[in-house]
Amino acid sequence: MNNNGFVSAIADTRARDDILEQGFTRRPLRVDVDIARALGVLAHAAWSMPRDQYYEGGTRFRTLNRFKAQIAAGGVHIWPCDDTKPYVQLEKYNTTLGGKQREYAPLPLQIADSAGVRKLISHHLMYLPLSQVGTSYLVNMHVARFAATPSRPCDTSPPGLHKDGEKYLATHLLARCGAKGGEVVITDNDKREMDRFTMREAGECYVFDDDRVWHMLTPVETSEGNQFAFRDTATFDLLPDNWAAIS
């Protein structure tokens, strides 16, 4: 472990209580210069990401970087993980692409492994209900762009309400332009709607326990009169060691 990767952080107890009580949280992000810069750099990087070759229903772009993390007293140790294994979701969770070994190019480390990205990761890890001193995590960072034209909206895969088969997921908006749709819907496990919202502010986020809720994103479309639209996000899969999705 590289001690230079330690990030001091204070647990947001209200976010933890939200997840324990309802399975998700939408607490405001605490932004400093490092986090603001990281959000801007990731948003800029979205313009040069490779196209998602596994999605044929619209135009998506996507990258994947992996990290390891360990909870410590007063913060989190975080370091890049050179994991070349393909990304796989169980077919139970992703009926469109489940079981397929997917390979996404990573962002350069000078972009992905910044002080601001590490602060984002440590912020979320510190308040998760399963986090205690010594708990280790695998963290997948997906930066994704959903792009649309008037004749070609962009949807999730699978579309509609679904689970991802991860433990915790934290999604931050990076940028949104010319778009309608892209509305987040969260339900309980009986598929009763609990919240519905559209993220519009850079850094705005929602975090959920995948075991506790279903979620969806409505298709991203162009708003009236526009010829192009996009919605860019950074999502962190937060996976405790020795945890596995129910197959």
Protein backbone atom coordinates (compact mmCIF):
# COMPACT_ATOMS: atom_id res chain seq x y z
CA MET A 1 0.00 0.00 0.00
CA ASN A 2 1.23 3.48 -0.86
CA ASN A 3 0.87 5.72 2.21
CA ASN A 4 0.86 8.74 -0.10
CA GLY A 5 -2.59 7.59 -1.17
CA PHE A 6 -4.17 8.40 2.19
CA VAL A 7 -7.08 10.84 1.98
CA SER A 8 -8.46 12.27 5.20
CA ALA A 9 -12.24 12.30 5.35
CA ILE A 10 -15.11 12.68 7.79
CA ALA A 11 -18.10 10.37 7.51
CA ASP A 12 -21.37 12.00 6.49
CA THR A 13 -23.57 10.33 9.10
CA ARG A 14 -26.77 11.68 7.56
CA ALA A 15 -25.93 9.95 4.26
CA ARG A 16 -25.30 6.71 6.15
CA ASP A 17 -28.64 7.06 7.95
CA ASP A 18 -30.40 7.64 4.62
CA ILE A 19 -28.97 4.44 3.16
CA LEU A 20 -29.83 2.45 6.26
CA GLU A 21 -33.38 3.81 6.35
CA GLN A 22 -34.35 3.90 2.68
CA GLY A 23 -31.53 2.34 0.65
CA PHE A 24 -30.32 5.53 -1.06
CA THR A 25 -29.16 9.08 -0.39
CA ARG A 26 -29.04 12.37 -2.29
CA ARG A 27 -26.94 14.40 0.11
CA PRO A 28 -25.20 17.51 -1.33
CA LEU A 29 -21.57 17.06 -2.34
CA ARG A 30 -18.95 18.99 -0.36
CA VAL A 31 -16.96 20.68 -3.13
CA ASP A 32 -13.44 22.07 -2.79
CA VAL A 33 -10.94 23.17 -5.45
CA ASP A 34 -9.62 19.61 -6.00
CA ILE A 35 -13.10 18.14 -6.45
CA ALA A 36 -14.26 21.00 -8.69
CA ARG A 37 -11.16 20.59 -10.86
CA ALA A 38 -11.65 16.81 -11.08
CA LEU A 39 -15.27 17.22 -12.17
CA GLY A 40 -14.19 19.67 -14.87
CA VAL A 41 -11.34 17.49 -16.11
CA LEU A 42 -13.54 14.40 -16.28
CA ALA A 43 -16.20 16.38 -18.16
CA HIS A 44 -13.57 17.54 -20.65
CA ALA A 45 -12.27 13.96 -21.03
CA ALA A 46 -15.75 12.80 -22.03
CA TRP A 47 -15.24 14.50 -25.41
CA SER A 48 -12.41 12.10 -26.32
CA MET A 49 -13.67 8.82 -24.85
CA PRO A 50 -14.05 5.78 -27.12
CA ARG A 51 -17.52 4.75 -28.18
CA ASP A 52 -19.22 1.99 -26.20
CA GLN A 53 -19.00 -0.84 -28.72
CA TYR A 54 -21.44 -3.01 -26.79
CA TYR A 55 -24.40 -0.64 -27.07
CA GLU A 56 -26.14 -0.53 -30.43
CA GLY A 57 -29.42 1.17 -29.50
CA GLY A 58 -27.97 4.69 -29.39
CA THR A 59 -24.69 6.58 -29.07
CA ARG A 60 -22.75 6.03 -25.85
CA PHE A 61 -19.14 6.55 -24.85
CA ARG A 62 -17.50 4.93 -21.84
CA THR A 63 -14.25 4.34 -19.93
CA LEU A 64 -13.38 2.20 -16.90
CA ASN A 65 -10.69 2.73 -14.26
CA ARG A 66 -10.22 0.55 -11.20
CA PHE A 67 -8.94 1.38 -7.73
CA LYS A 68 -8.37 -0.41 -4.45
CA ALA A 69 -9.22 1.27 -1.18
CA GLN A 70 -9.03 0.54 2.53
CA ILE A 71 -10.81 2.34 5.35
CA ALA A 72 -8.48 3.73 8.04
CA ALA A 73 -8.93 5.89 11.11
CA GLY A 74 -9.79 9.36 9.84
CA GLY A 75 -9.74 8.57 6.16
CA VAL A 76 -9.17 6.14 3.32
CA HIS A 77 -6.10 4.70 1.57
CA ILE A 78 -6.68 4.68 -2.22
CA TRP A 79 -4.45 3.47 -5.03
CA PRO A 80 -4.94 2.56 -8.72
CA CYS A 81 -5.55 -1.10 -9.45
CA ASP A 82 -3.99 -2.44 -12.65
CA ASP A 83 -6.77 -4.94 -13.22
CA THR A 84 -7.08 -6.00 -16.84
CA LYS A 85 -9.98 -8.39 -16.26
CA PRO A 86 -13.03 -7.62 -18.41
CA TYR A 87 -16.08 -6.03 -16.81
CA VAL A 88 -18.91 -8.56 -16.44
CA GLN A 89 -22.44 -8.30 -15.07
CA LEU A 90 -24.54 -11.35 -14.33
CA GLU A 91 -27.34 -12.02 -16.81
CA LYS A 92 -29.78 -11.89 -13.89
CA TYR A 93 -29.08 -8.16 -13.54
CA ASN A 94 -28.31 -7.10 -17.09
CA THR A 95 -30.66 -8.94 -19.41
CA THR A 96 -29.22 -7.07 -22.39
CA LEU A 97 -25.46 -7.49 -21.86
CA GLY A 98 -25.30 -9.86 -18.88
CA GLY A 99 -22.61 -12.53 -19.09
CA LYS A 100 -20.75 -10.69 -21.85
CA GLN A 101 -17.10 -9.88 -21.12
CA ARG A 102 -16.79 -6.17 -21.83
CA GLU A 103 -13.53 -4.28 -22.15
CA TYR A 104 -13.47 -0.49 -21.77
CA ALA A 105 -10.34 1.61 -22.20
CA PRO A 106 -9.22 3.46 -19.05
CA LEU A 107 -8.73 7.19 -18.79
CA PRO A 108 -5.05 8.20 -18.39
CA LEU A 109 -3.95 8.07 -14.75
CA GLN A 110 -3.18 11.78 -14.69
CA ILE A 111 -6.92 12.29 -15.21
CA ALA A 112 -8.38 9.34 -13.32
CA ASP A 113 -6.06 9.24 -10.32
CA SER A 114 -6.29 12.89 -9.28
CA ALA A 115 -6.60 14.36 -5.81
CA GLY A 116 -10.21 15.28 -6.53
CA VAL A 117 -11.19 11.80 -7.73
CA ARG A 118 -9.62 10.29 -4.61
CA LYS A 119 -11.56 12.75 -2.46
CA LEU A 120 -14.81 11.75 -4.18
CA ILE A 121 -14.11 8.06 -3.55
CA SER A 122 -13.08 8.58 0.08
CA HIS A 123 -16.11 10.79 0.75
CA HIS A 124 -18.50 8.02 -0.20
CA LEU A 125 -16.58 5.11 1.31
CA MET A 126 -16.39 6.74 4.74
CA TYR A 127 -20.17 6.72 5.31
CA LEU A 128 -21.18 3.39 3.76
CA PRO A 129 -22.90 1.08 6.28
CA LEU A 130 -20.38 -1.73 5.66
CA SER A 131 -17.35 0.53 6.17
CA GLN A 132 -15.26 0.20 9.29
CA VAL A 133 -11.54 0.52 9.92
CA GLY A 134 -9.80 -2.18 7.90
CA THR A 135 -12.59 -2.74 5.36
CA SER A 136 -11.19 -3.01 1.81
CA TYR A 137 -12.99 -2.17 -1.42
CA LEU A 138 -12.63 -2.56 -5.15
CA VAL A 139 -13.78 0.66 -6.83
CA ASN A 140 -14.75 0.81 -10.50
CA MET A 141 -14.98 4.31 -11.96
CA HIS A 142 -17.12 4.47 -15.10
CA VAL A 143 -17.20 7.75 -17.01
CA ALA A 144 -20.04 7.63 -19.52
CA ARG A 145 -21.63 9.91 -22.09
CA PHE A 146 -25.18 9.40 -23.33
CA ALA A 147 -25.43 11.35 -26.60
CA ALA A 148 -28.58 11.97 -28.62
CA THR A 149 -29.78 13.44 -31.90
CA PRO A 150 -33.43 14.10 -32.83
CA SER A 151 -33.81 10.69 -34.46
CA ARG A 152 -31.59 8.74 -32.09
CA PRO A 153 -32.19 8.93 -28.31
CA CYS A 154 -29.91 7.07 -25.91
CA ASP A 155 -31.08 4.61 -23.28
CA THR A 156 -29.55 2.41 -20.58
CA SER A 157 -28.87 -1.28 -20.99
CA PRO A 158 -31.00 -2.88 -19.80
CA PRO A 159 -33.71 -0.23 -20.21
CA GLY A 160 -36.29 0.38 -17.51
CA LEU A 161 -36.13 -0.55 -13.85
CA HIS A 162 -33.17 -2.77 -13.04
CA LYS A 163 -30.42 -3.63 -10.59
CA ASP A 164 -26.72 -3.53 -11.47
CA GLY A 165 -25.46 -6.45 -9.39
CA GLU A 166 -22.96 -4.25 -7.55
CA LYS A 167 -23.15 -3.44 -3.82
CA TYR A 168 -23.11 0.37 -3.65
CA LEU A 169 -23.15 2.81 -6.57
CA ALA A 170 -22.47 6.54 -6.51
CA THR A 171 -23.27 8.55 -9.65
CA HIS A 172 -22.18 12.17 -10.20
CA LEU A 173 -23.34 14.42 -13.01
CA LEU A 174 -20.41 15.89 -14.94
CA ALA A 175 -22.28 17.84 -17.62
CA ARG A 176 -25.63 18.05 -19.37
CA CYS A 177 -26.44 20.03 -22.50
CA GLY A 178 -29.36 20.32 -24.92
CA ALA A 179 -31.13 17.36 -23.34
CA LYS A 180 -34.53 16.37 -22.12
CA GLY A 181 -35.18 13.11 -20.32
CA GLY A 182 -32.36 11.55 -18.36
CA GLU A 183 -34.61 11.42 -15.30
CA VAL A 184 -33.57 9.13 -12.44
CA VAL A 185 -36.26 6.94 -10.86
CA ILE A 186 -35.70 4.96 -7.64
CA THR A 187 -38.12 2.42 -6.22
CA ASP A 188 -38.12 0.00 -3.33
CA ASN A 189 -37.85 -3.74 -3.90
CA ASP A 190 -41.60 -3.93 -4.44
CA LYS A 191 -41.10 -1.38 -7.25
CA ARG A 192 -43.01 1.34 -5.42
CA GLU A 193 -41.57 4.69 -6.50
CA MET A 194 -39.56 6.46 -3.78
CA ASP A 195 -37.97 9.33 -5.71
CA ARG A 196 -37.76 10.81 -9.20
CA PHE A 197 -35.39 13.63 -10.17
CA THR A 198 -33.22 15.14 -12.90
CA MET A 199 -29.61 16.03 -12.07
CA ARG A 200 -28.58 19.40 -13.51
CA GLU A 201 -25.67 20.69 -11.38
CA ALA A 202 -22.09 19.45 -11.95
CA GLY A 203 -21.19 17.18 -9.05
CA GLU A 204 -24.81 16.48 -8.10
CA CYS A 205 -25.07 12.85 -7.06
CA TYR A 206 -27.13 9.98 -5.76
CA VAL A 207 -25.89 6.86 -4.00
CA PHE A 208 -27.73 3.61 -3.41
CA ASP A 209 -27.48 0.11 -2.02
CA ASP A 210 -28.26 -2.09 -5.02
CA ASP A 211 -29.70 -4.82 -2.79
CA ARG A 212 -32.29 -2.41 -1.41
CA VAL A 213 -33.66 -0.57 -4.45
CA TRP A 214 -34.45 -0.72 -8.16
CA HIS A 215 -33.48 2.20 -10.37
CA MET A 216 -33.72 3.48 -13.91
CA LEU A 217 -32.77 6.39 -16.14
CA THR A 218 -35.29 7.58 -18.69
CA PRO A 219 -33.86 7.90 -22.24
CA VAL A 220 -31.75 10.96 -23.00
CA GLU A 221 -33.27 12.90 -25.90
CA THR A 222 -32.69 16.25 -27.57
CA SER A 223 -34.84 19.08 -26.32
CA GLU A 224 -36.96 20.92 -28.90
CA GLY A 225 -34.94 22.65 -31.61
CA ASN A 226 -31.62 21.02 -30.73
CA GLN A 227 -29.63 18.82 -33.09
CA PHE A 228 -27.42 17.28 -30.40
CA ALA A 229 -27.58 16.61 -26.67
CA PHE A 230 -25.51 14.81 -24.07
CA ARG A 231 -25.47 13.75 -20.42
CA ASP A 232 -22.09 12.89 -18.89
CA THR A 233 -21.64 11.08 -15.57
CA ALA A 234 -19.00 9.47 -13.38
CA THR A 235 -20.24 6.38 -11.54
CA PHE A 236 -18.33 4.56 -8.82
CA ASP A 237 -19.07 0.89 -8.10
CA LEU A 238 -18.08 0.44 -4.44
CA LEU A 239 -17.51 -3.27 -3.83
CA PRO A 240 -16.38 -4.54 -0.41
CA ASP A 241 -13.86 -7.38 -0.50
CA ASN A 242 -15.44 -10.81 -0.02
CA TRP A 243 -18.79 -9.46 -1.26
CA ALA A 244 -20.43 -11.07 -4.26
CA ALA A 245 -23.68 -10.41 -6.10
CA ILE A 246 -26.39 -13.02 -5.60
CA SER A 247 -26.34 -15.19 -8.72
